[in-house]
Amino acid sequence: MCFFDQHRFQCGDWKWGHFRQHCNREYRTGETCGMKLIMQTVSVGQKCKICDKIDTKQRRRAAEVERISRWQREGGKFSASIDRSYEMIKVLDREIYDLSSERQKRSQMIGS
């Protein structure tokens, strides 16, 4: 049961930080026993990487929706572009869903 720092993000996710102290079970220098305990929790003032990716994809999706509405207001001459944007929205929706599922799975894991 070696001790590590824990980094907690704004979104509630966390990750292991630097190694801090050996436990009594591990006597070899530079090795850890494999069981991690928290020495201290460090709050990080930003979101985790997965949440950053989700936010980026949501902004891109909102831009595509805005483009479609603008093209539809201008008339029907951009039908190929509209179709391409609808396909892009489907792809982005799937990527957002996958990232959200990955984040939820990681939050349910113990000791990730």
C-alpha atoms as a PDB file:
ATOM      1  CA  MET A   1       0.000   0.000   0.000  1.00  0.00           C
ATOM      2  CA  CYS A   2       2.256   2.729  -1.305  1.00  0.00           C
ATOM      3  CA  PHE A   3       1.191   6.355  -1.202  1.00  0.00           C
ATOM      4  CA  PHE A   4       0.561   8.590  -4.219  1.00  0.00           C
ATOM      5  CA  ASP A   5      -0.878  12.035  -4.895  1.00  0.00           C
ATOM      6  CA  GLN A   6      -4.333  12.256  -6.431  1.00  0.00           C
ATOM      7  CA  HIS A   7      -5.229  14.970  -8.956  1.00  0.00           C
ATOM      8  CA  ARG A   8      -8.945  15.865  -8.896  1.00  0.00           C
ATOM      9  CA  PHE A   9     -10.346  17.770 -11.893  1.00  0.00           C
ATOM     10  CA  GLN A  10     -13.262  20.235 -11.975  1.00  0.00           C
ATOM     11  CA  CYS A  11     -15.486  17.652 -13.626  1.00  0.00           C
ATOM     12  CA  GLY A  12     -15.033  15.252 -10.688  1.00  0.00           C
ATOM     13  CA  ASP A  13     -12.705  12.881 -12.545  1.00  0.00           C
ATOM     14  CA  TRP A  14      -9.283  12.119 -11.069  1.00  0.00           C
ATOM     15  CA  LYS A  15      -5.952  10.549 -11.881  1.00  0.00           C
ATOM     16  CA  TRP A  16      -2.992   9.252  -9.938  1.00  0.00           C
ATOM     17  CA  GLY A  17      -0.171  11.696  -9.370  1.00  0.00           C
ATOM     18  CA  HIS A  18       3.421  11.286  -8.236  1.00  0.00           C
ATOM     19  CA  PHE A  19       4.661   8.539  -5.951  1.00  0.00           C
ATOM     20  CA  ARG A  20       5.196   9.855  -2.394  1.00  0.00           C
ATOM     21  CA  GLN A  21       6.050   7.120   0.095  1.00  0.00           C
ATOM     22  CA  HIS A  22       6.783   3.387   0.336  1.00  0.00           C
ATOM     23  CA  CYS A  23       4.763   1.119   2.561  1.00  0.00           C
ATOM     24  CA  ASN A  24       6.159  -1.501   4.928  1.00  0.00           C
ATOM     25  CA  ARG A  25       5.497  -4.321   2.465  1.00  0.00           C
ATOM     26  CA  GLU A  26       7.896  -3.077  -0.236  1.00  0.00           C
ATOM     27  CA  TYR A  27      11.600  -3.078   0.619  1.00  0.00           C
ATOM     28  CA  ARG A  28      13.146  -2.726  -2.876  1.00  0.00           C
ATOM     29  CA  THR A  29      14.277   0.739  -3.887  1.00  0.00           C
ATOM     30  CA  GLY A  30      12.362   2.159  -6.839  1.00  0.00           C
ATOM     31  CA  GLU A  31       9.598  -0.449  -6.650  1.00  0.00           C
ATOM     32  CA  THR A  32       6.036  -0.193  -5.356  1.00  0.00           C
ATOM     33  CA  CYS A  33       3.834  -2.932  -3.970  1.00  0.00           C
ATOM     34  CA  GLY A  34       1.041  -2.265  -6.477  1.00  0.00           C
ATOM     35  CA  MET A  35      -1.608  -1.107  -4.017  1.00  0.00           C
ATOM     36  CA  LYS A  36      -2.153   2.636  -4.176  1.00  0.00           C
ATOM     37  CA  LEU A  37      -3.303   4.844  -1.323  1.00  0.00           C
ATOM     38  CA  ILE A  38      -3.841   8.591  -1.464  1.00  0.00           C
ATOM     39  CA  MET A  39      -1.287  10.732   0.349  1.00  0.00           C
ATOM     40  CA  GLN A  40      -2.956  14.033  -0.587  1.00  0.00           C
ATOM     41  CA  THR A  41      -5.521  15.294  -3.063  1.00  0.00           C
ATOM     42  CA  VAL A  42      -4.534  18.161  -5.342  1.00  0.00           C
ATOM     43  CA  SER A  43      -7.354  20.119  -6.966  1.00  0.00           C
ATOM     44  CA  VAL A  44      -6.701  20.918 -10.616  1.00  0.00           C
ATOM     45  CA  GLY A  45      -8.468  23.998 -11.977  1.00  0.00           C
ATOM     46  CA  GLN A  46      -9.375  22.457 -15.319  1.00  0.00           C
ATOM     47  CA  LYS A  47     -11.402  19.632 -16.814  1.00  0.00           C
ATOM     48  CA  CYS A  48      -9.951  16.229 -17.662  1.00  0.00           C
ATOM     49  CA  LYS A  49      -8.857  15.382 -21.217  1.00  0.00           C
ATOM     50  CA  ILE A  50     -12.011  13.426 -21.984  1.00  0.00           C
ATOM     51  CA  CYS A  51     -14.254  16.328 -20.920  1.00  0.00           C
ATOM     52  CA  ASP A  52     -12.145  18.722 -23.011  1.00  0.00           C
ATOM     53  CA  LYS A  53     -12.658  16.472 -26.043  1.00  0.00           C
ATOM     54  CA  ILE A  54     -16.408  16.286 -25.372  1.00  0.00           C
ATOM     55  CA  ASP A  55     -16.632  20.086 -25.108  1.00  0.00           C
ATOM     56  CA  THR A  56     -14.698  20.516 -28.361  1.00  0.00           C
ATOM     57  CA  LYS A  57     -16.962  18.102 -30.225  1.00  0.00           C
ATOM     58  CA  GLN A  58     -20.094  19.755 -28.816  1.00  0.00           C
ATOM     59  CA  ARG A  59     -18.883  23.168 -30.013  1.00  0.00           C
ATOM     60  CA  ARG A  60     -18.165  21.703 -33.453  1.00  0.00           C
ATOM     61  CA  ARG A  61     -21.628  20.100 -33.532  1.00  0.00           C
ATOM     62  CA  ALA A  62     -23.257  23.427 -32.584  1.00  0.00           C
ATOM     63  CA  ALA A  63     -21.353  25.116 -35.414  1.00  0.00           C
ATOM     64  CA  GLU A  64     -22.630  22.514 -37.903  1.00  0.00           C
ATOM     65  CA  VAL A  65     -26.217  23.004 -36.685  1.00  0.00           C
ATOM     66  CA  GLU A  66     -25.836  26.766 -37.088  1.00  0.00           C
ATOM     67  CA  ARG A  67     -24.458  26.284 -40.606  1.00  0.00           C
ATOM     68  CA  ILE A  68     -27.413  24.111 -41.587  1.00  0.00           C
ATOM     69  CA  SER A  69     -29.921  26.648 -40.295  1.00  0.00           C
ATOM     70  CA  ARG A  70     -28.119  29.456 -42.135  1.00  0.00           C
ATOM     71  CA  TRP A  71     -28.044  27.481 -45.399  1.00  0.00           C
ATOM     72  CA  GLN A  72     -31.723  26.611 -45.062  1.00  0.00           C
ATOM     73  CA  ARG A  73     -32.603  30.290 -44.549  1.00  0.00           C
ATOM     74  CA  GLU A  74     -30.629  31.221 -47.685  1.00  0.00           C
ATOM     75  CA  GLY A  75     -32.508  28.771 -49.845  1.00  0.00           C
ATOM     76  CA  GLY A  76     -32.266  25.253 -51.200  1.00  0.00           C
ATOM     77  CA  LYS A  77     -29.135  25.696 -53.280  1.00  0.00           C
ATOM     78  CA  PHE A  78     -26.837  24.144 -50.636  1.00  0.00           C
ATOM     79  CA  SER A  79     -28.460  20.710 -50.425  1.00  0.00           C
ATOM     80  CA  ALA A  80     -25.186  18.761 -50.819  1.00  0.00           C
ATOM     81  CA  SER A  81     -23.530  20.827 -48.098  1.00  0.00           C
ATOM     82  CA  ILE A  82     -26.540  20.361 -45.833  1.00  0.00           C
ATOM     83  CA  ASP A  83     -26.444  16.596 -46.351  1.00  0.00           C
ATOM     84  CA  ARG A  84     -22.710  16.536 -45.605  1.00  0.00           C
ATOM     85  CA  SER A  85     -23.299  18.551 -42.416  1.00  0.00           C
ATOM     86  CA  TYR A  86     -26.034  16.144 -41.305  1.00  0.00           C
ATOM     87  CA  GLU A  87     -23.590  13.271 -41.746  1.00  0.00           C
ATOM     88  CA  MET A  88     -20.958  15.198 -39.781  1.00  0.00           C
ATOM     89  CA  ILE A  89     -23.476  15.741 -36.962  1.00  0.00           C
ATOM     90  CA  LYS A  90     -24.191  11.997 -36.861  1.00  0.00           C
ATOM     91  CA  VAL A  91     -20.462  11.259 -36.613  1.00  0.00           C
ATOM     92  CA  LEU A  92     -19.980  13.883 -33.903  1.00  0.00           C
ATOM     93  CA  ASP A  93     -22.987  12.565 -31.950  1.00  0.00           C
ATOM     94  CA  ARG A  94     -21.476   9.086 -32.004  1.00  0.00           C
ATOM     95  CA  GLU A  95     -18.066  10.355 -30.896  1.00  0.00           C
ATOM     96  CA  ILE A  96     -19.642  12.378 -28.068  1.00  0.00           C
ATOM     97  CA  TYR A  97     -21.597   9.310 -26.965  1.00  0.00           C
ATOM     98  CA  ASP A  98     -18.464   7.144 -27.032  1.00  0.00           C
ATOM     99  CA  LEU A  99     -16.453   9.679 -25.021  1.00  0.00           C
ATOM    100  CA  SER A 100     -19.267  10.066 -22.483  1.00  0.00           C
ATOM    101  CA  SER A 101     -19.474   6.284 -22.121  1.00  0.00           C
ATOM    102  CA  GLU A 102     -15.702   6.080 -21.645  1.00  0.00           C
ATOM    103  CA  ARG A 103     -15.820   8.787 -18.969  1.00  0.00           C
ATOM    104  CA  GLN A 104     -18.674   7.042 -17.172  1.00  0.00           C
ATOM    105  CA  LYS A 105     -16.841   3.706 -17.337  1.00  0.00           C
ATOM    106  CA  ARG A 106     -13.680   5.284 -15.926  1.00  0.00           C
ATOM    107  CA  SER A 107     -15.603   6.908 -13.075  1.00  0.00           C
ATOM    108  CA  GLN A 108     -17.032   3.505 -12.089  1.00  0.00           C
ATOM    109  CA  MET A 109     -13.639   1.787 -12.048  1.00  0.00           C
ATOM    110  CA  ILE A 110     -11.809   1.540  -8.750  1.00  0.00           C
ATOM    111  CA  GLY A 111      -8.115   2.361  -8.862  1.00  0.00           C
ATOM    112  CA  SER A 112      -7.976   3.430 -12.491  1.00  0.00           C
END
